[in-house]
Amino acid sequence: MSEKKMNSSRRSHLKSLMLSIAKNMLELEAATAKKEKEAYMSENCPEPDLSGGLAELQEMIKKLGQTVDKVDEERYDVEAKVKKADKEIEDLKLKVVDLQGMKKPALKKVRLSADAMLSALLGSKHKVTIDFKANLKQVKKEVKEEVGICLETFKSINQCTVGVDGNCPEYVQKLNYECLIINYL
């Protein structure tokens, strides 16, 4: 079934009707609350009889003071009960959250430059630029002293005297091989 849309004039008319009905209901509710308050006050706080003498007025003031003290004690007791109940409710809410556990939000990968990250952390007041690449450790190949020694030994090997069997001595051949590897690297 297709639903027909309501035109704007009808919608505004219905809205105004609903608001007027709600206004009447609020007025009626306020009037009943006022009547209930008056009935309670007449029942619990009768009109004072000021026709008596000074002693009667003082006695009436003492009674009113006692009733005020009694009501104040009751108010304090009720207030303490409410605070205790509120604290218990708060503790129960915390226990529920602990039992459910916190759901971690899905984090998004954000690419920020170093300057953008610093401006986000420090705010727009501080203008700081740091070159993180300059702080990185520079790695260079170190020229070892062995290479210099090998070159000297290589030169001496090339000029070595021939051994008994027509070859260079064994340690010289080994040094020659190591020097060639180091020089190749």
C-alpha atoms as a PDB file:
ATOM      1  CA  MET A   1       0.000   0.000   0.000  1.00  0.00           C
ATOM      2  CA  SER A   2       1.299   3.393  -0.844  1.00  0.00           C
ATOM      3  CA  GLU A   3       1.219   5.963   1.891  1.00  0.00           C
ATOM      4  CA  LYS A   4       0.102   9.450   1.020  1.00  0.00           C
ATOM      5  CA  LYS A   5       2.196  12.305   2.230  1.00  0.00           C
ATOM      6  CA  MET A   6       0.554  14.978   4.303  1.00  0.00           C
ATOM      7  CA  ASN A   7       0.687  18.492   2.913  1.00  0.00           C
ATOM      8  CA  SER A   8       2.323  21.225   4.967  1.00  0.00           C
ATOM      9  CA  SER A   9      -0.865  23.140   5.854  1.00  0.00           C
ATOM     10  CA  ARG A  10      -2.509  20.019   7.294  1.00  0.00           C
ATOM     11  CA  ARG A  11       0.670  19.144   9.167  1.00  0.00           C
ATOM     12  CA  SER A  12       0.920  22.629  10.711  1.00  0.00           C
ATOM     13  CA  HIS A  13      -2.809  22.529  11.623  1.00  0.00           C
ATOM     14  CA  LEU A  14      -2.399  19.161  13.403  1.00  0.00           C
ATOM     15  CA  LYS A  15       0.711  20.430  15.144  1.00  0.00           C
ATOM     16  CA  SER A  16      -1.109  23.505  16.447  1.00  0.00           C
ATOM     17  CA  LEU A  17      -3.999  21.300  17.670  1.00  0.00           C
ATOM     18  CA  MET A  18      -1.592  19.018  19.527  1.00  0.00           C
ATOM     19  CA  LEU A  19       0.147  22.005  21.111  1.00  0.00           C
ATOM     20  CA  SER A  20      -3.148  23.538  22.259  1.00  0.00           C
ATOM     21  CA  ILE A  21      -4.264  20.212  23.790  1.00  0.00           C
ATOM     22  CA  ALA A  22      -0.894  19.865  25.549  1.00  0.00           C
ATOM     23  CA  LYS A  23      -1.184  23.437  26.849  1.00  0.00           C
ATOM     24  CA  ASN A  24      -4.642  22.723  28.275  1.00  0.00           C
ATOM     25  CA  MET A  25      -3.380  19.536  29.918  1.00  0.00           C
ATOM     26  CA  LEU A  26      -0.466  21.420  31.515  1.00  0.00           C
ATOM     27  CA  GLU A  27      -2.797  24.121  32.841  1.00  0.00           C
ATOM     28  CA  LEU A  28      -5.123  21.477  34.290  1.00  0.00           C
ATOM     29  CA  GLU A  29      -2.176  19.680  35.882  1.00  0.00           C
ATOM     30  CA  ALA A  30      -0.890  22.930  37.439  1.00  0.00           C
ATOM     31  CA  ALA A  31      -4.369  23.712  38.823  1.00  0.00           C
ATOM     32  CA  THR A  32      -4.723  20.264  40.427  1.00  0.00           C
ATOM     33  CA  ALA A  33      -1.231  20.555  41.925  1.00  0.00           C
ATOM     34  CA  LYS A  34      -2.172  23.941  43.405  1.00  0.00           C
ATOM     35  CA  LYS A  35      -5.396  22.510  44.896  1.00  0.00           C
ATOM     36  CA  GLU A  36      -3.513  19.559  46.388  1.00  0.00           C
ATOM     37  CA  LYS A  37      -0.964  21.923  47.926  1.00  0.00           C
ATOM     38  CA  GLU A  38      -3.694  24.074  49.476  1.00  0.00           C
ATOM     39  CA  ALA A  39      -5.459  20.991  50.865  1.00  0.00           C
ATOM     40  CA  TYR A  40      -2.227  19.688  52.388  1.00  0.00           C
ATOM     41  CA  MET A  41      -1.383  23.071  53.922  1.00  0.00           C
ATOM     42  CA  SER A  42      -4.867  23.483  55.434  1.00  0.00           C
ATOM     43  CA  GLU A  43      -4.702  19.946  56.829  1.00  0.00           C
ATOM     44  CA  ASN A  44      -1.180  20.094  58.293  1.00  0.00           C
ATOM     45  CA  CYS A  45      -0.822  23.826  58.995  1.00  0.00           C
ATOM     46  CA  PRO A  46      -4.083  25.233  60.352  1.00  0.00           C
ATOM     47  CA  GLU A  47      -4.619  28.970  60.501  1.00  0.00           C
ATOM     48  CA  PRO A  48      -3.063  30.388  63.684  1.00  0.00           C
ATOM     49  CA  ASP A  49      -5.475  31.586  66.351  1.00  0.00           C
ATOM     50  CA  LEU A  50      -4.036  34.926  67.419  1.00  0.00           C
ATOM     51  CA  SER A  51      -6.949  35.876  69.676  1.00  0.00           C
ATOM     52  CA  GLY A  52      -5.337  34.405  72.819  1.00  0.00           C
ATOM     53  CA  GLY A  53      -2.940  36.002  75.256  1.00  0.00           C
ATOM     54  CA  LEU A  54       0.844  36.184  75.250  1.00  0.00           C
ATOM     55  CA  ALA A  55       1.295  32.825  77.022  1.00  0.00           C
ATOM     56  CA  GLU A  56      -0.846  31.027  74.431  1.00  0.00           C
ATOM     57  CA  LEU A  57       1.157  32.591  71.582  1.00  0.00           C
ATOM     58  CA  GLN A  58       4.449  31.536  73.179  1.00  0.00           C
ATOM     59  CA  GLU A  59       3.124  27.989  73.634  1.00  0.00           C
ATOM     60  CA  MET A  60       2.029  27.887  70.000  1.00  0.00           C
ATOM     61  CA  ILE A  61       5.483  29.114  68.870  1.00  0.00           C
ATOM     62  CA  LYS A  62       7.149  26.364  70.952  1.00  0.00           C
ATOM     63  CA  LYS A  63       4.922  23.738  69.299  1.00  0.00           C
ATOM     64  CA  LEU A  64       5.755  25.137  65.856  1.00  0.00           C
ATOM     65  CA  GLY A  65       9.467  25.024  66.722  1.00  0.00           C
ATOM     66  CA  GLN A  66       9.157  21.398  67.803  1.00  0.00           C
ATOM     67  CA  THR A  67       7.346  20.455  64.593  1.00  0.00           C
ATOM     68  CA  VAL A  68       9.999  22.284  62.537  1.00  0.00           C
ATOM     69  CA  ASP A  69      12.735  20.329  64.350  1.00  0.00           C
ATOM     70  CA  LYS A  70      10.866  17.057  63.751  1.00  0.00           C
ATOM     71  CA  VAL A  71      10.394  17.827  60.049  1.00  0.00           C
ATOM     72  CA  ASP A  72      14.057  18.845  59.761  1.00  0.00           C
ATOM     73  CA  GLU A  73      15.172  15.526  61.288  1.00  0.00           C
ATOM     74  CA  GLU A  74      12.945  13.608  58.878  1.00  0.00           C
ATOM     75  CA  ARG A  75      14.306  15.641  55.967  1.00  0.00           C
ATOM     76  CA  TYR A  76      17.877  14.862  57.056  1.00  0.00           C
ATOM     77  CA  ASP A  77      17.099  11.129  57.342  1.00  0.00           C
ATOM     78  CA  VAL A  78      15.455  11.049  53.923  1.00  0.00           C
ATOM     79  CA  GLU A  79      18.352  13.001  52.421  1.00  0.00           C
ATOM     80  CA  ALA A  80      20.856  10.512  53.875  1.00  0.00           C
ATOM     81  CA  LYS A  81      18.848   7.591  52.439  1.00  0.00           C
ATOM     82  CA  VAL A  82      18.753   9.263  49.021  1.00  0.00           C
ATOM     83  CA  LYS A  83      22.526   9.879  49.060  1.00  0.00           C
ATOM     84  CA  LYS A  84      23.150   6.261  50.054  1.00  0.00           C
ATOM     85  CA  ALA A  85      20.862   5.012  47.278  1.00  0.00           C
ATOM     86  CA  ASP A  86      22.539   7.319  44.728  1.00  0.00           C
ATOM     87  CA  LYS A  87      25.967   6.042  45.733  1.00  0.00           C
ATOM     88  CA  GLU A  88      24.777   2.441  45.462  1.00  0.00           C
ATOM     89  CA  ILE A  89      23.313   3.127  42.019  1.00  0.00           C
ATOM     90  CA  GLU A  90      26.592   4.696  40.891  1.00  0.00           C
ATOM     91  CA  ASP A  91      28.566   1.692  42.178  1.00  0.00           C
ATOM     92  CA  LEU A  92      26.243  -0.689  40.347  1.00  0.00           C
ATOM     93  CA  LYS A  93      26.644   1.321  37.141  1.00  0.00           C
ATOM     94  CA  LEU A  94      30.424   1.071  37.466  1.00  0.00           C
ATOM     95  CA  LYS A  95      30.182  -2.680  38.045  1.00  0.00           C
ATOM     96  CA  VAL A  96      28.022  -3.059  34.936  1.00  0.00           C
ATOM     97  CA  VAL A  97      30.558  -1.115  32.880  1.00  0.00           C
ATOM     98  CA  ASP A  98      33.381  -3.251  34.283  1.00  0.00           C
ATOM     99  CA  LEU A  99      31.521  -6.457  33.457  1.00  0.00           C
ATOM    100  CA  GLN A 100      30.659  -5.346  29.941  1.00  0.00           C
ATOM    101  CA  GLY A 101      34.119  -4.018  29.258  1.00  0.00           C
ATOM    102  CA  MET A 102      34.959  -0.998  27.217  1.00  0.00           C
ATOM    103  CA  LYS A 103      34.621  -1.336  23.486  1.00  0.00           C
ATOM    104  CA  LYS A 104      37.708  -0.055  21.753  1.00  0.00           C
ATOM    105  CA  PRO A 105      36.949   2.127  18.774  1.00  0.00           C
ATOM    106  CA  ALA A 106      38.388   1.200  15.423  1.00  0.00           C
ATOM    107  CA  LEU A 107      41.430   3.354  14.908  1.00  0.00           C
ATOM    108  CA  LYS A 108      42.100   4.930  11.562  1.00  0.00           C
ATOM    109  CA  LYS A 109      45.535   5.154  10.060  1.00  0.00           C
ATOM    110  CA  VAL A 110      46.499   8.778   9.775  1.00  0.00           C
ATOM    111  CA  ARG A 111      49.519  10.011   7.911  1.00  0.00           C
ATOM    112  CA  LEU A 112      50.886  13.198   9.362  1.00  0.00           C
ATOM    113  CA  SER A 113      54.125  14.937   8.698  1.00  0.00           C
ATOM    114  CA  ALA A 114      56.316  15.764  11.657  1.00  0.00           C
ATOM    115  CA  ASP A 115      55.316  19.436  11.514  1.00  0.00           C
ATOM    116  CA  ALA A 116      51.603  18.601  11.345  1.00  0.00           C
ATOM    117  CA  MET A 117      51.954  16.232  14.297  1.00  0.00           C
ATOM    118  CA  LEU A 118      53.719  18.868  16.398  1.00  0.00           C
ATOM    119  CA  SER A 119      51.131  21.497  15.520  1.00  0.00           C
ATOM    120  CA  ALA A 120      48.362  19.053  16.489  1.00  0.00           C
ATOM    121  CA  LEU A 121      50.036  18.295  19.822  1.00  0.00           C
ATOM    122  CA  LEU A 122      51.183  21.791  20.736  1.00  0.00           C
ATOM    123  CA  GLY A 123      48.380  23.762  19.139  1.00  0.00           C
ATOM    124  CA  SER A 124      48.555  26.625  16.692  1.00  0.00           C
ATOM    125  CA  LYS A 125      50.238  28.984  19.169  1.00  0.00           C
ATOM    126  CA  HIS A 126      53.650  27.337  18.971  1.00  0.00           C
ATOM    127  CA  LYS A 127      55.472  27.385  15.653  1.00  0.00           C
ATOM    128  CA  VAL A 128      58.082  24.654  15.915  1.00  0.00           C
ATOM    129  CA  THR A 129      59.755  22.819  13.082  1.00  0.00           C
ATOM    130  CA  ILE A 130      61.967  19.893  13.834  1.00  0.00           C
ATOM    131  CA  ASP A 131      63.886  18.009  11.203  1.00  0.00           C
ATOM    132  CA  PHE A 132      63.742  14.446  12.441  1.00  0.00           C
ATOM    133  CA  LYS A 133      65.878  13.207   9.553  1.00  0.00           C
ATOM    134  CA  ALA A 134      68.755  15.402  10.713  1.00  0.00           C
ATOM    135  CA  ASN A 135      68.676  13.723  14.112  1.00  0.00           C
ATOM    136  CA  LEU A 136      69.040  10.257  12.649  1.00  0.00           C
ATOM    137  CA  LYS A 137      72.364   8.534  13.072  1.00  0.00           C
ATOM    138  CA  GLN A 138      74.516   8.791   9.987  1.00  0.00           C
ATOM    139  CA  VAL A 139      75.878   5.431   8.900  1.00  0.00           C
ATOM    140  CA  LYS A 140      79.018   5.483   6.816  1.00  0.00           C
ATOM    141  CA  LYS A 141      81.336   2.704   5.878  1.00  0.00           C
ATOM    142  CA  GLU A 142      84.380   2.908   8.039  1.00  0.00           C
ATOM    143  CA  VAL A 143      87.686   2.450   6.376  1.00  0.00           C
ATOM    144  CA  LYS A 144      89.476  -0.049   8.489  1.00  0.00           C
ATOM    145  CA  GLU A 145      93.155  -0.084   9.152  1.00  0.00           C
ATOM    146  CA  GLU A 146      93.187  -3.672   7.961  1.00  0.00           C
ATOM    147  CA  VAL A 147      92.629  -2.508   4.417  1.00  0.00           C
ATOM    148  CA  GLY A 148      95.756  -0.392   4.605  1.00  0.00           C
ATOM    149  CA  ILE A 149      97.704  -3.278   6.093  1.00  0.00           C
ATOM    150  CA  CYS A 150      96.343  -5.630   3.447  1.00  0.00           C
ATOM    151  CA  LEU A 151      97.415  -3.305   0.702  1.00  0.00           C
ATOM    152  CA  GLU A 152     100.902  -3.232   2.133  1.00  0.00           C
ATOM    153  CA  THR A 153     100.960  -7.013   2.499  1.00  0.00           C
ATOM    154  CA  PHE A 154      99.508  -7.401  -0.997  1.00  0.00           C
ATOM    155  CA  LYS A 155     102.307  -5.322  -2.410  1.00  0.00           C
ATOM    156  CA  SER A 156     104.835  -7.318  -0.448  1.00  0.00           C
ATOM    157  CA  ILE A 157     103.219 -10.584  -1.619  1.00  0.00           C
ATOM    158  CA  ASN A 158     103.521  -9.553  -5.224  1.00  0.00           C
ATOM    159  CA  GLN A 159     107.190  -8.974  -4.585  1.00  0.00           C
ATOM    160  CA  CYS A 160     107.597 -12.143  -2.528  1.00  0.00           C
ATOM    161  CA  THR A 161     110.397 -14.499  -3.270  1.00  0.00           C
ATOM    162  CA  VAL A 162     109.604 -17.878  -4.633  1.00  0.00           C
ATOM    163  CA  GLY A 163     109.768 -20.732  -2.138  1.00  0.00           C
ATOM    164  CA  VAL A 164     111.603 -24.015  -2.510  1.00  0.00           C
ATOM    165  CA  ASP A 165     108.959 -25.601  -4.727  1.00  0.00           C
ATOM    166  CA  GLY A 166     108.438 -22.495  -6.880  1.00  0.00           C
ATOM    167  CA  ASN A 167     105.417 -21.095  -5.000  1.00  0.00           C
ATOM    168  CA  CYS A 168     104.973 -18.398  -2.385  1.00  0.00           C
ATOM    169  CA  PRO A 169     104.883 -19.582   1.218  1.00  0.00           C
ATOM    170  CA  GLU A 170     101.486 -20.748   2.486  1.00  0.00           C
ATOM    171  CA  TYR A 171     100.841 -17.840   4.864  1.00  0.00           C
ATOM    172  CA  VAL A 172     101.555 -15.406   2.059  1.00  0.00           C
ATOM    173  CA  GLN A 173      99.002 -17.098  -0.189  1.00  0.00           C
ATOM    174  CA  LYS A 174      96.425 -16.945   2.611  1.00  0.00           C
ATOM    175  CA  LEU A 175      97.087 -13.232   3.175  1.00  0.00           C
ATOM    176  CA  ASN A 176      96.904 -12.651  -0.546  1.00  0.00           C
ATOM    177  CA  TYR A 177      93.467 -14.292  -0.729  1.00  0.00           C
ATOM    178  CA  GLU A 178      92.121 -12.304   2.280  1.00  0.00           C
ATOM    179  CA  CYS A 179      93.424  -9.061   0.875  1.00  0.00           C
ATOM    180  CA  LEU A 180      91.747  -9.695  -2.449  1.00  0.00           C
ATOM    181  CA  ILE A 181      88.418 -10.297  -0.711  1.00  0.00           C
ATOM    182  CA  ILE A 182      88.722  -7.135   1.400  1.00  0.00           C
ATOM    183  CA  ASN A 183      89.726  -5.049  -1.592  1.00  0.00           C
ATOM    184  CA  TYR A 184      86.811  -6.448  -3.569  1.00  0.00           C
ATOM    185  CA  LEU A 185      84.355  -5.332  -0.903  1.00  0.00           C
END
